[in-house]
């Protein structure tokens, strides 16, 4: 089965920010990174379930997996977009640097002062 791959607006913005940062350092590196990212994303079209569950799994209501690409992690879910009962789209939620802390669910009491 082949999956369609789509980026959320948030993930797309994260990629753009990464590329802008890299362009400021080395346009050649940014181009290589973008080419590699496209290859990594394309690989999700076939058997995305091969990727392990992400540490952020508990922060989401769906099964979140991660694909490692260099120093970055692509967090994604698979969804059924045409109601045929099969999961046929990979939706990339975030693109995060490996040094960033995992996303966690904010508890309702966390805004309350101690």
PDB file of N, CA and C in Angstrom:
ATOM      1  N   UNK A   1       0.838  -1.173   0.000  1.00  0.00           N
ATOM      2  CA  UNK A   1       0.000   0.000   0.000  1.00  0.00           C
ATOM      3  C   UNK A   1       0.886   1.239   0.000  1.00  0.00           C
ATOM      4  N   UNK A   2       0.539   2.189  -0.805  1.00  0.00           N
ATOM      5  CA  UNK A   2       1.277   3.446  -0.875  1.00  0.00           C
ATOM      6  C   UNK A   2       0.487   4.532  -0.153  1.00  0.00           C
ATOM      7  N   UNK A   3       1.171   5.318   0.635  1.00  0.00           N
ATOM      8  CA  UNK A   3       0.565   6.386   1.417  1.00  0.00           C
ATOM      9  C   UNK A   3       0.842   7.742   0.774  1.00  0.00           C
ATOM     10  N   UNK A   4      -0.110   8.634   0.882  1.00  0.00           N
ATOM     11  CA  UNK A   4       0.137  10.036   0.545  1.00  0.00           C
ATOM     12  C   UNK A   4       0.800  10.654   1.775  1.00  0.00           C
ATOM     13  N   UNK A   5       1.642  11.635   1.568  1.00  0.00           N
ATOM     14  CA  UNK A   5       2.312  12.305   2.681  1.00  0.00           C
ATOM     15  C   UNK A   5       1.972  13.780   2.620  1.00  0.00           C
ATOM     16  N   UNK A   6       1.556  14.331   3.778  1.00  0.00           N
ATOM     17  CA  UNK A   6       1.246  15.757   3.839  1.00  0.00           C
ATOM     18  C   UNK A   6       1.825  16.343   5.121  1.00  0.00           C
ATOM     19  N   UNK A   7       2.172  17.608   5.049  1.00  0.00           N
ATOM     20  CA  UNK A   7       2.672  18.348   6.200  1.00  0.00           C
ATOM     21  C   UNK A   7       1.550  19.176   6.797  1.00  0.00           C
ATOM     22  N   UNK A   8       1.479  19.244   8.117  1.00  0.00           N
ATOM     23  CA  UNK A   8       0.595  20.214   8.736  1.00  0.00           C
ATOM     24  C   UNK A   8       1.219  21.590   8.537  1.00  0.00           C
ATOM     25  N   UNK A   9       0.438  22.627   8.748  1.00  0.00           N
ATOM     26  CA  UNK A   9       0.971  23.990   8.639  1.00  0.00           C
ATOM     27  C   UNK A   9       2.112  24.207   9.627  1.00  0.00           C
ATOM     28  N   UNK A  10       1.979  23.645  10.818  1.00  0.00           N
ATOM     29  CA  UNK A  10       3.017  23.788  11.839  1.00  0.00           C
ATOM     30  C   UNK A  10       4.316  23.139  11.375  1.00  0.00           C
ATOM     31  N   UNK A  11       4.237  21.915  10.872  1.00  0.00           N
ATOM     32  CA  UNK A  11       5.432  21.213  10.410  1.00  0.00           C
ATOM     33  C   UNK A  11       6.070  21.950   9.234  1.00  0.00           C
ATOM     34  N   UNK A  12       5.245  22.470   8.335  1.00  0.00           N
ATOM     35  CA  UNK A  12       5.766  23.222   7.198  1.00  0.00           C
ATOM     36  C   UNK A  12       6.517  24.466   7.679  1.00  0.00           C
ATOM     37  N   UNK A  13       5.967  25.165   8.645  1.00  0.00           N
ATOM     38  CA  UNK A  13       6.622  26.347   9.200  1.00  0.00           C
ATOM     39  C   UNK A  13       7.928  25.965   9.891  1.00  0.00           C
ATOM     40  N   UNK A  14       7.941  24.847  10.586  1.00  0.00           N
ATOM     41  CA  UNK A  14       9.173  24.390  11.241  1.00  0.00           C
ATOM     42  C   UNK A  14      10.256  24.099  10.215  1.00  0.00           C
ATOM     43  N   UNK A  15       9.898  23.470   9.106  1.00  0.00           N
ATOM     44  CA  UNK A  15      10.869  23.200   8.037  1.00  0.00           C
ATOM     45  C   UNK A  15      11.397  24.511   7.461  1.00  0.00           C
ATOM     46  N   UNK A  16      10.510  25.466   7.221  1.00  0.00           N
ATOM     47  CA  UNK A  16      10.939  26.762   6.670  1.00  0.00           C
ATOM     48  C   UNK A  16      11.908  27.471   7.617  1.00  0.00           C
ATOM     49  N   UNK A  17      11.631  27.415   8.917  1.00  0.00           N
ATOM     50  CA  UNK A  17      12.525  28.034   9.902  1.00  0.00           C
ATOM     51  C   UNK A  17      13.888  27.356   9.923  1.00  0.00           C
ATOM     52  N   UNK A  18      13.906  26.036   9.834  1.00  0.00           N
ATOM     53  CA  UNK A  18      15.173  25.296   9.789  1.00  0.00           C
ATOM     54  C   UNK A  18      15.964  25.705   8.556  1.00  0.00           C
ATOM     55  N   UNK A  19      15.279  25.755   7.419  1.00  0.00           N
ATOM     56  CA  UNK A  19      15.964  26.124   6.174  1.00  0.00           C
ATOM     57  C   UNK A  19      16.494  27.556   6.215  1.00  0.00           C
ATOM     58  N   UNK A  20      15.724  28.472   6.773  1.00  0.00           N
ATOM     59  CA  UNK A  20      16.201  29.858   6.886  1.00  0.00           C
ATOM     60  C   UNK A  20      17.448  29.936   7.760  1.00  0.00           C
ATOM     61  N   UNK A  21      17.442  29.205   8.860  1.00  0.00           N
ATOM     62  CA  UNK A  21      18.607  29.185   9.745  1.00  0.00           C
ATOM     63  C   UNK A  21      19.814  28.616   9.007  1.00  0.00           C
ATOM     64  N   UNK A  22      19.614  27.508   8.290  1.00  0.00           N
ATOM     65  CA  UNK A  22      20.719  26.885   7.551  1.00  0.00           C
ATOM     66  C   UNK A  22      21.212  27.780   6.419  1.00  0.00           C
ATOM     67  N   UNK A  23      20.291  28.457   5.750  1.00  0.00           N
ATOM     68  CA  UNK A  23      20.686  29.347   4.646  1.00  0.00           C
ATOM     69  C   UNK A  23      21.620  30.457   5.139  1.00  0.00           C
ATOM     70  N   UNK A  24      21.388  30.909   6.356  1.00  0.00           N
ATOM     71  CA  UNK A  24      22.253  31.930   6.934  1.00  0.00           C
ATOM     72  C   UNK A  24      23.651  31.430   7.211  1.00  0.00           C
ATOM     73  N   UNK A  25      23.789  30.147   7.378  1.00  0.00           N
ATOM     74  CA  UNK A  25      25.097  29.555   7.658  1.00  0.00           C
ATOM     75  C   UNK A  25      25.770  29.037   6.393  1.00  0.00           C
ATOM     76  N   UNK A  26      24.998  28.284   5.595  1.00  0.00           N
ATOM     77  CA  UNK A  26      25.560  27.680   4.386  1.00  0.00           C
ATOM     78  C   UNK A  26      24.432  27.315   3.424  1.00  0.00           C
ATOM     79  N   UNK A  27      24.276  28.090   2.351  1.00  0.00           N
ATOM     80  CA  UNK A  27      23.226  27.759   1.377  1.00  0.00           C
ATOM     81  C   UNK A  27      23.382  26.355   0.789  1.00  0.00           C
ATOM     82  N   UNK A  28      24.617  25.905   0.615  1.00  0.00           N
ATOM     83  CA  UNK A  28      24.846  24.561   0.073  1.00  0.00           C
ATOM     84  C   UNK A  28      24.354  23.501   1.044  1.00  0.00           C
ATOM     85  N   UNK A  29      24.642  23.707   2.332  1.00  0.00           N
ATOM     86  CA  UNK A  29      24.177  22.759   3.344  1.00  0.00           C
ATOM     87  C   UNK A  29      22.650  22.740   3.395  1.00  0.00           C
ATOM     88  N   UNK A  30      22.044  23.900   3.308  1.00  0.00           N
ATOM     89  CA  UNK A  30      20.586  23.980   3.344  1.00  0.00           C
ATOM     90  C   UNK A  30      19.982  23.228   2.171  1.00  0.00           C
ATOM     91  N   UNK A  31      20.576  23.360   1.011  1.00  0.00           N
ATOM     92  CA  UNK A  31      20.061  22.660  -0.172  1.00  0.00           C
ATOM     93  C   UNK A  31      20.206  21.148  -0.016  1.00  0.00           C
ATOM     94  N   UNK A  32      21.355  20.705   0.491  1.00  0.00           N
ATOM     95  CA  UNK A  32      21.555  19.265   0.711  1.00  0.00           C
ATOM     96  C   UNK A  32      20.563  18.735   1.746  1.00  0.00           C
ATOM     97  N   UNK A  33      20.352  19.518   2.817  1.00  0.00           N
ATOM     98  CA  UNK A  33      19.417  19.096   3.856  1.00  0.00           C
ATOM     99  C   UNK A  33      18.013  18.979   3.287  1.00  0.00           C
ATOM    100  N   UNK A  34      17.603  19.952   2.491  1.00  0.00           N
ATOM    101  CA  UNK A  34      16.258  19.925   1.912  1.00  0.00           C
ATOM    102  C   UNK A  34      16.098  18.730   0.969  1.00  0.00           C
ATOM    103  N   UNK A  35      17.117  18.455   0.159  1.00  0.00           N
ATOM    104  CA  UNK A  35      17.050  17.293  -0.731  1.00  0.00           C
ATOM    105  C   UNK A  35      16.929  15.997   0.069  1.00  0.00           C
ATOM    106  N   UNK A  36      17.713  15.888   1.131  1.00  0.00           N
ATOM    107  CA  UNK A  36      17.650  14.706   1.981  1.00  0.00           C
ATOM    108  C   UNK A  36      16.319  14.579   2.696  1.00  0.00           C
ATOM    109  N   UNK A  37      15.770  15.724   3.119  1.00  0.00           N
ATOM    110  CA  UNK A  37      14.463  15.709   3.774  1.00  0.00           C
ATOM    111  C   UNK A  37      13.402  15.194   2.812  1.00  0.00           C
ATOM    112  N   UNK A  38      13.453  15.651   1.573  1.00  0.00           N
ATOM    113  CA  UNK A  38      12.484  15.180   0.570  1.00  0.00           C
ATOM    114  C   UNK A  38      12.592  13.673   0.381  1.00  0.00           C
ATOM    115  N   UNK A  39      13.806  13.141   0.372  1.00  0.00           N
ATOM    116  CA  UNK A  39      13.979  11.688   0.248  1.00  0.00           C
ATOM    117  C   UNK A  39      13.429  10.958   1.467  1.00  0.00           C
ATOM    118  N   UNK A  40      13.703  11.503   2.655  1.00  0.00           N
ATOM    119  CA  UNK A  40      13.198  10.887   3.885  1.00  0.00           C
ATOM    120  C   UNK A  40      11.673  10.890   3.904  1.00  0.00           C
ATOM    121  N   UNK A  41      11.074  12.004   3.518  1.00  0.00           N
ATOM    122  CA  UNK A  41       9.613  12.109   3.493  1.00  0.00           C
ATOM    123  C   UNK A  41       9.035  11.139   2.467  1.00  0.00           C
ATOM    124  N   UNK A  42       9.655  11.041   1.314  1.00  0.00           N
ATOM    125  CA  UNK A  42       9.192  10.117   0.275  1.00  0.00           C
ATOM    126  C   UNK A  42       9.236   8.676   0.775  1.00  0.00           C
ATOM    127  N   UNK A  43      10.211   8.362   1.621  1.00  0.00           N
ATOM    128  CA  UNK A  43      10.312   6.988   2.136  1.00  0.00           C
ATOM    129  C   UNK A  43       9.108   6.616   3.002  1.00  0.00           C
ATOM    130  N   UNK A  44       8.395   7.613   3.524  1.00  0.00           N
ATOM    131  CA  UNK A  44       7.220   7.329   4.339  1.00  0.00           C
ATOM    132  C   UNK A  44       6.031   6.861   3.503  1.00  0.00           C
ATOM    133  N   UNK A  45       6.124   6.980   2.192  1.00  0.00           N
ATOM    134  CA  UNK A  45       5.036   6.522   1.324  1.00  0.00           C
ATOM    135  C   UNK A  45       4.867   5.010   1.399  1.00  0.00           C
ATOM    136  N   UNK A  46       5.926   4.310   1.782  1.00  0.00           N
ATOM    137  CA  UNK A  46       5.891   2.855   1.877  1.00  0.00           C
ATOM    138  C   UNK A  46       6.232   2.409   3.288  1.00  0.00           C
ATOM    139  N   UNK A  47       5.310   1.745   3.930  1.00  0.00           N
ATOM    140  CA  UNK A  47       5.466   1.143   5.249  1.00  0.00           C
ATOM    141  C   UNK A  47       5.942   2.130   6.317  1.00  0.00           C
ATOM    142  N   UNK A  48       5.158   3.164   6.599  1.00  0.00           N
ATOM    143  CA  UNK A  48       5.534   4.101   7.659  1.00  0.00           C
ATOM    144  C   UNK A  48       5.526   3.458   9.043  1.00  0.00           C
ATOM    145  N   UNK A  49       4.856   2.321   9.180  1.00  0.00           N
ATOM    146  CA  UNK A  49       4.817   1.614  10.455  1.00  0.00           C
ATOM    147  C   UNK A  49       6.159   1.055  10.880  1.00  0.00           C
ATOM    148  N   UNK A  50       7.139   1.106   9.998  1.00  0.00           N
ATOM    149  CA  UNK A  50       8.484   0.644  10.341  1.00  0.00           C
ATOM    150  C   UNK A  50       9.155   1.567  11.346  1.00  0.00           C
ATOM    151  N   UNK A  51       8.674   2.801  11.427  1.00  0.00           N
ATOM    152  CA  UNK A  51       9.262   3.807  12.310  1.00  0.00           C
ATOM    153  C   UNK A  51       8.766   3.598  13.736  1.00  0.00           C
ATOM    154  N   UNK A  52       9.642   3.811  14.716  1.00  0.00           N
ATOM    155  CA  UNK A  52       9.243   3.589  16.109  1.00  0.00           C
ATOM    156  C   UNK A  52       8.277   4.655  16.614  1.00  0.00           C
ATOM    157  N   UNK A  53       7.589   4.310  17.695  1.00  0.00           N
ATOM    158  CA  UNK A  53       6.740   5.283  18.361  1.00  0.00           C
ATOM    159  C   UNK A  53       7.620   6.403  18.919  1.00  0.00           C
ATOM    160  N   UNK A  54       7.097   7.614  18.893  1.00  0.00           N
ATOM    161  CA  UNK A  54       7.831   8.779  19.386  1.00  0.00           C
ATOM    162  C   UNK A  54       7.687   8.893  20.897  1.00  0.00           C
ATOM    163  N   UNK A  55       8.676   9.497  21.566  1.00  0.00           N
ATOM    164  CA  UNK A  55       8.545   9.745  23.001  1.00  0.00           C
ATOM    165  C   UNK A  55       7.312  10.596  23.325  1.00  0.00           C
ATOM    166  N   UNK A  56       6.852  11.385  22.375  1.00  0.00           N
ATOM    167  CA  UNK A  56       5.685  12.243  22.549  1.00  0.00           C
ATOM    168  C   UNK A  56       4.364  11.492  22.498  1.00  0.00           C
ATOM    169  N   UNK A  57       4.389  10.224  22.301  1.00  0.00           N
ATOM    170  CA  UNK A  57       3.185   9.420  22.130  1.00  0.00           C
ATOM    171  C   UNK A  57       2.094   9.786  23.142  1.00  0.00           C
ATOM    172  N   UNK A  58       2.459   9.959  24.393  1.00  0.00           N
ATOM    173  CA  UNK A  58       1.465  10.225  25.443  1.00  0.00           C
ATOM    174  C   UNK A  58       0.829  11.609  25.318  1.00  0.00           C
ATOM    175  N   UNK A  59       1.449  12.509  24.573  1.00  0.00           N
ATOM    176  CA  UNK A  59       0.924  13.875  24.444  1.00  0.00           C
ATOM    177  C   UNK A  59      -0.140  13.999  23.362  1.00  0.00           C
ATOM    178  N   UNK A  60      -0.363  12.945  22.616  1.00  0.00           N
ATOM    179  CA  UNK A  60      -1.305  12.984  21.511  1.00  0.00           C
ATOM    180  C   UNK A  60      -2.368  11.905  21.682  1.00  0.00           C
ATOM    181  N   UNK A  61      -3.471  12.089  20.996  1.00  0.00           N
ATOM    182  CA  UNK A  61      -4.556  11.113  21.050  1.00  0.00           C
ATOM    183  C   UNK A  61      -4.396  10.008  20.013  1.00  0.00           C
ATOM    184  N   UNK A  62      -3.475  10.184  19.075  1.00  0.00           N
ATOM    185  CA  UNK A  62      -3.226   9.198  18.022  1.00  0.00           C
ATOM    186  C   UNK A  62      -1.856   8.567  18.219  1.00  0.00           C
ATOM    187  N   UNK A  63      -1.612   7.486  17.498  1.00  0.00           N
ATOM    188  CA  UNK A  63      -0.319   6.819  17.537  1.00  0.00           C
ATOM    189  C   UNK A  63       0.696   7.672  16.784  1.00  0.00           C
ATOM    190  N   UNK A  64       1.633   8.271  17.504  1.00  0.00           N
ATOM    191  CA  UNK A  64       2.630   9.156  16.899  1.00  0.00           C
ATOM    192  C   UNK A  64       3.932   8.393  16.739  1.00  0.00           C
ATOM    193  N   UNK A  65       4.439   8.415  15.540  1.00  0.00           N
ATOM    194  CA  UNK A  65       5.709   7.756  15.221  1.00  0.00           C
ATOM    195  C   UNK A  65       6.732   8.817  14.850  1.00  0.00           C
ATOM    196  N   UNK A  66       7.992   8.399  14.789  1.00  0.00           N
ATOM    197  CA  UNK A  66       9.028   9.340  14.406  1.00  0.00           C
ATOM    198  C   UNK A  66       9.954   8.727  13.369  1.00  0.00           C
ATOM    199  N   UNK A  67      10.370   9.554  12.442  1.00  0.00           N
ATOM    200  CA  UNK A  67      11.384   9.193  11.463  1.00  0.00           C
ATOM    201  C   UNK A  67      12.578  10.074  11.749  1.00  0.00           C
ATOM    202  N   UNK A  68      13.718   9.459  11.983  1.00  0.00           N
ATOM    203  CA  UNK A  68      14.929  10.222  12.238  1.00  0.00           C
ATOM    204  C   UNK A  68      15.562  10.610  10.912  1.00  0.00           C
ATOM    205  N   UNK A  69      15.914  11.885  10.811  1.00  0.00           N
ATOM    206  CA  UNK A  69      16.611  12.388   9.632  1.00  0.00           C
ATOM    207  C   UNK A  69      17.737  13.296  10.119  1.00  0.00           C
ATOM    208  N   UNK A  70      18.959  12.785  10.070  1.00  0.00           N
ATOM    209  CA  UNK A  70      20.091  13.546  10.582  1.00  0.00           C
ATOM    210  C   UNK A  70      19.863  13.857  12.052  1.00  0.00           C
ATOM    211  N   UNK A  71      19.944  15.143  12.400  1.00  0.00           N
ATOM    212  CA  UNK A  71      19.740  15.570  13.782  1.00  0.00           C
ATOM    213  C   UNK A  71      18.281  15.893  14.072  1.00  0.00           C
ATOM    214  N   UNK A  72      17.401  15.594  13.140  1.00  0.00           N
ATOM    215  CA  UNK A  72      15.993  15.977  13.263  1.00  0.00           C
ATOM    216  C   UNK A  72      15.091  14.756  13.372  1.00  0.00           C
ATOM    217  N   UNK A  73      13.922  14.994  13.959  1.00  0.00           N
ATOM    218  CA  UNK A  73      12.901  13.966  14.091  1.00  0.00           C
ATOM    219  C   UNK A  73      11.631  14.465  13.434  1.00  0.00           C
ATOM    220  N   UNK A  74      11.075  13.674  12.547  1.00  0.00           N
ATOM    221  CA  UNK A  74       9.792  13.980  11.932  1.00  0.00           C
ATOM    222  C   UNK A  74       8.731  13.203  12.702  1.00  0.00           C
ATOM    223  N   UNK A  75       7.836  13.908  13.364  1.00  0.00           N
ATOM    224  CA  UNK A  75       6.756  13.276  14.111  1.00  0.00           C
ATOM    225  C   UNK A  75       5.542  13.192  13.207  1.00  0.00           C
ATOM    226  N   UNK A  76       4.947  12.006  13.102  1.00  0.00           N
ATOM    227  CA  UNK A  76       3.835  11.833  12.172  1.00  0.00           C
ATOM    228  C   UNK A  76       2.818  10.832  12.679  1.00  0.00           C
ATOM    229  N   UNK A  77       1.644  10.910  12.078  1.00  0.00           N
ATOM    230  CA  UNK A  77       0.578   9.940  12.319  1.00  0.00           C
ATOM    231  C   UNK A  77       0.121   9.416  10.966  1.00  0.00           C
ATOM    232  N   UNK A  78      -0.553   8.276  10.977  1.00  0.00           N
ATOM    233  CA  UNK A  78      -1.213   7.794   9.766  1.00  0.00           C
ATOM    234  C   UNK A  78      -2.709   7.937   9.983  1.00  0.00           C
ATOM    235  N   UNK A  79      -3.390   8.399   8.955  1.00  0.00           N
ATOM    236  CA  UNK A  79      -4.834   8.643   9.060  1.00  0.00           C
ATOM    237  C   UNK A  79      -5.553   8.079   7.846  1.00  0.00           C
ATOM    238  N   UNK A  80      -6.824   7.752   8.068  1.00  0.00           N
ATOM    239  CA  UNK A  80      -7.698   7.305   6.991  1.00  0.00           C
ATOM    240  C   UNK A  80      -8.395   8.551   6.457  1.00  0.00           C
ATOM    241  N   UNK A  81      -8.088   8.945   5.250  1.00  0.00           N
ATOM    242  CA  UNK A  81      -8.650  10.188   4.718  1.00  0.00           C
ATOM    243  C   UNK A  81      -9.813   9.968   3.769  1.00  0.00           C
ATOM    244  N   UNK A  82     -10.103   8.720   3.402  1.00  0.00           N
ATOM    245  CA  UNK A  82     -11.228   8.511   2.489  1.00  0.00           C
ATOM    246  C   UNK A  82     -12.246   7.508   3.017  1.00  0.00           C
ATOM    247  N   UNK A  83     -12.237   7.275   4.322  1.00  0.00           N
ATOM    248  CA  UNK A  83     -13.241   6.448   5.003  1.00  0.00           C
ATOM    249  C   UNK A  83     -13.375   5.029   4.454  1.00  0.00           C
ATOM    250  N   UNK A  84     -12.293   4.476   3.906  1.00  0.00           N
ATOM    251  CA  UNK A  84     -12.354   3.095   3.438  1.00  0.00           C
ATOM    252  C   UNK A  84     -11.869   2.120   4.502  1.00  0.00           C
ATOM    253  N   UNK A  85     -11.538   2.654   5.682  1.00  0.00           N
ATOM    254  CA  UNK A  85     -11.100   1.797   6.766  1.00  0.00           C
ATOM    255  C   UNK A  85      -9.612   1.541   6.792  1.00  0.00           C
ATOM    256  N   UNK A  86      -8.900   1.949   5.763  1.00  0.00           N
ATOM    257  CA  UNK A  86      -7.452   1.766   5.725  1.00  0.00           C
ATOM    258  C   UNK A  86      -6.773   3.106   5.929  1.00  0.00           C
ATOM    259  N   UNK A  87      -5.658   3.059   6.624  1.00  0.00           N
ATOM    260  CA  UNK A  87      -4.902   4.284   6.851  1.00  0.00           C
ATOM    261  C   UNK A  87      -4.094   4.570   5.599  1.00  0.00           C
ATOM    262  N   UNK A  88      -4.388   5.676   4.946  1.00  0.00           N
ATOM    263  CA  UNK A  88      -3.778   5.904   3.649  1.00  0.00           C
ATOM    264  C   UNK A  88      -3.051   7.235   3.505  1.00  0.00           C
ATOM    265  N   UNK A  89      -2.929   7.991   4.593  1.00  0.00           N
ATOM    266  CA  UNK A  89      -2.188   9.247   4.541  1.00  0.00           C
ATOM    267  C   UNK A  89      -1.265   9.340   5.741  1.00  0.00           C
ATOM    268  N   UNK A  90      -0.048   9.772   5.496  1.00  0.00           N
ATOM    269  CA  UNK A  90       0.899  10.086   6.564  1.00  0.00           C
ATOM    270  C   UNK A  90       0.844  11.592   6.740  1.00  0.00           C
ATOM    271  N   UNK A  91       0.529  12.036   7.947  1.00  0.00           N
ATOM    272  CA  UNK A  91       0.457  13.466   8.237  1.00  0.00           C
ATOM    273  C   UNK A  91       1.617  13.820   9.169  1.00  0.00           C
ATOM    274  N   UNK A  92       2.543  14.630   8.663  1.00  0.00           N
ATOM    275  CA  UNK A  92       3.694  15.046   9.455  1.00  0.00           C
ATOM    276  C   UNK A  92       3.261  16.209  10.345  1.00  0.00           C
ATOM    277  N   UNK A  93       3.383  15.997  11.650  1.00  0.00           N
ATOM    278  CA  UNK A  93       2.916  16.960  12.638  1.00  0.00           C
ATOM    279  C   UNK A  93       3.976  17.991  13.002  1.00  0.00           C
ATOM    280  N   UNK A  94       5.212  17.515  13.174  1.00  0.00           N
ATOM    281  CA  UNK A  94       6.312  18.382  13.609  1.00  0.00           C
ATOM    282  C   UNK A  94       7.625  17.904  13.008  1.00  0.00           C
ATOM    283  N   UNK A  95       8.549  18.835  12.842  1.00  0.00           N
ATOM    284  CA  UNK A  95       9.933  18.528  12.501  1.00  0.00           C
ATOM    285  C   UNK A  95      10.753  19.202  13.589  1.00  0.00           C
ATOM    286  N   UNK A  96      11.385  18.389  14.440  1.00  0.00           N
ATOM    287  CA  UNK A  96      12.055  18.911  15.630  1.00  0.00           C
ATOM    288  C   UNK A  96      13.513  18.471  15.673  1.00  0.00           C
ATOM    289  N   UNK A  97      14.372  19.359  16.147  1.00  0.00           N
ATOM    290  CA  UNK A  97      15.774  19.011  16.356  1.00  0.00           C
ATOM    291  C   UNK A  97      15.847  17.997  17.488  1.00  0.00           C
ATOM    292  N   UNK A  98      16.749  17.066  17.378  1.00  0.00           N
ATOM    293  CA  UNK A  98      16.884  16.022  18.394  1.00  0.00           C
ATOM    294  C   UNK A  98      17.217  16.541  19.779  1.00  0.00           C
ATOM    295  N   UNK A  99      17.790  17.747  19.867  1.00  0.00           N
ATOM    296  CA  UNK A  99      18.139  18.297  21.180  1.00  0.00           C
ATOM    297  C   UNK A  99      16.950  18.958  21.876  1.00  0.00           C
ATOM    298  N   UNK A 100      15.839  19.126  21.152  1.00  0.00           N
ATOM    299  CA  UNK A 100      14.652  19.706  21.773  1.00  0.00           C
ATOM    300  C   UNK A 100      13.992  18.666  22.675  1.00  0.00           C
ATOM    301  N   UNK A 101      13.475  19.140  23.800  1.00  0.00           N
ATOM    302  CA  UNK A 101      12.754  18.238  24.693  1.00  0.00           C
ATOM    303  C   UNK A 101      11.505  17.711  23.993  1.00  0.00           C
ATOM    304  N   UNK A 102      11.112  16.488  24.336  1.00  0.00           N
ATOM    305  CA  UNK A 102       9.880  15.953  23.739  1.00  0.00           C
ATOM    306  C   UNK A 102       8.668  16.815  24.121  1.00  0.00           C
ATOM    307  N   UNK A 103       7.713  16.871  23.230  1.00  0.00           N
ATOM    308  CA  UNK A 103       6.459  17.568  23.492  1.00  0.00           C
ATOM    309  C   UNK A 103       5.711  16.770  24.546  1.00  0.00           C
ATOM    310  N   UNK A 104       5.087  17.457  25.480  1.00  0.00           N
ATOM    311  CA  UNK A 104       4.287  16.738  26.466  1.00  0.00           C
ATOM    312  C   UNK A 104       2.941  17.421  26.603  1.00  0.00           C
ATOM    313  N   UNK A 105       1.988  16.653  27.008  1.00  0.00           N
ATOM    314  CA  UNK A 105       0.626  17.172  27.189  1.00  0.00           C
ATOM    315  C   UNK A 105       0.620  18.100  28.392  1.00  0.00           C
ATOM    316  N   UNK A 106       0.058  19.263  28.199  1.00  0.00           N
ATOM    317  CA  UNK A 106      -0.038  20.224  29.288  1.00  0.00           C
ATOM    318  C   UNK A 106      -1.242  19.860  30.142  1.00  0.00           C
ATOM    319  N   UNK A 107      -0.990  19.667  31.409  1.00  0.00           N
ATOM    320  CA  UNK A 107      -2.067  19.331  32.341  1.00  0.00           C
ATOM    321  C   UNK A 107      -2.830  20.595  32.712  1.00  0.00           C
ATOM    322  N   UNK A 108      -4.137  20.505  32.930  1.00  0.00           N
ATOM    323  CA  UNK A 108      -4.941  21.691  33.252  1.00  0.00           C
ATOM    324  C   UNK A 108      -4.441  22.452  34.481  1.00  0.00           C
ATOM    325  N   UNK A 109      -3.854  21.767  35.456  1.00  0.00           N
ATOM    326  CA  UNK A 109      -3.418  22.412  36.683  1.00  0.00           C
ATOM    327  C   UNK A 109      -2.072  23.135  36.525  1.00  0.00           C
ATOM    328  N   UNK A 110      -1.390  22.975  35.415  1.00  0.00           N
ATOM    329  CA  UNK A 110      -0.056  23.538  35.260  1.00  0.00           C
ATOM    330  C   UNK A 110      -0.062  25.055  35.182  1.00  0.00           C
ATOM    331  N   UNK A 111      -1.156  25.687  34.812  1.00  0.00           N
ATOM    332  CA  UNK A 111      -1.215  27.138  34.739  1.00  0.00           C
ATOM    333  C   UNK A 111      -1.445  27.767  36.117  1.00  0.00           C
ATOM    334  N   UNK A 112      -1.854  26.957  37.054  1.00  0.00           N
ATOM    335  CA  UNK A 112      -2.162  27.471  38.380  1.00  0.00           C
ATOM    336  C   UNK A 112      -0.882  27.777  39.135  1.00  0.00           C
ATOM    337  N   UNK A 113      -0.761  28.965  39.756  1.00  0.00           N
ATOM    338  CA  UNK A 113       0.437  29.289  40.537  1.00  0.00           C
ATOM    339  C   UNK A 113       0.596  28.340  41.715  1.00  0.00           C
ATOM    340  N   UNK A 114       1.819  28.090  42.068  1.00  0.00           N
ATOM    341  CA  UNK A 114       2.105  27.180  43.189  1.00  0.00           C
ATOM    342  C   UNK A 114       1.922  27.885  44.504  1.00  0.00           C
TER     343      UNK A 114
END
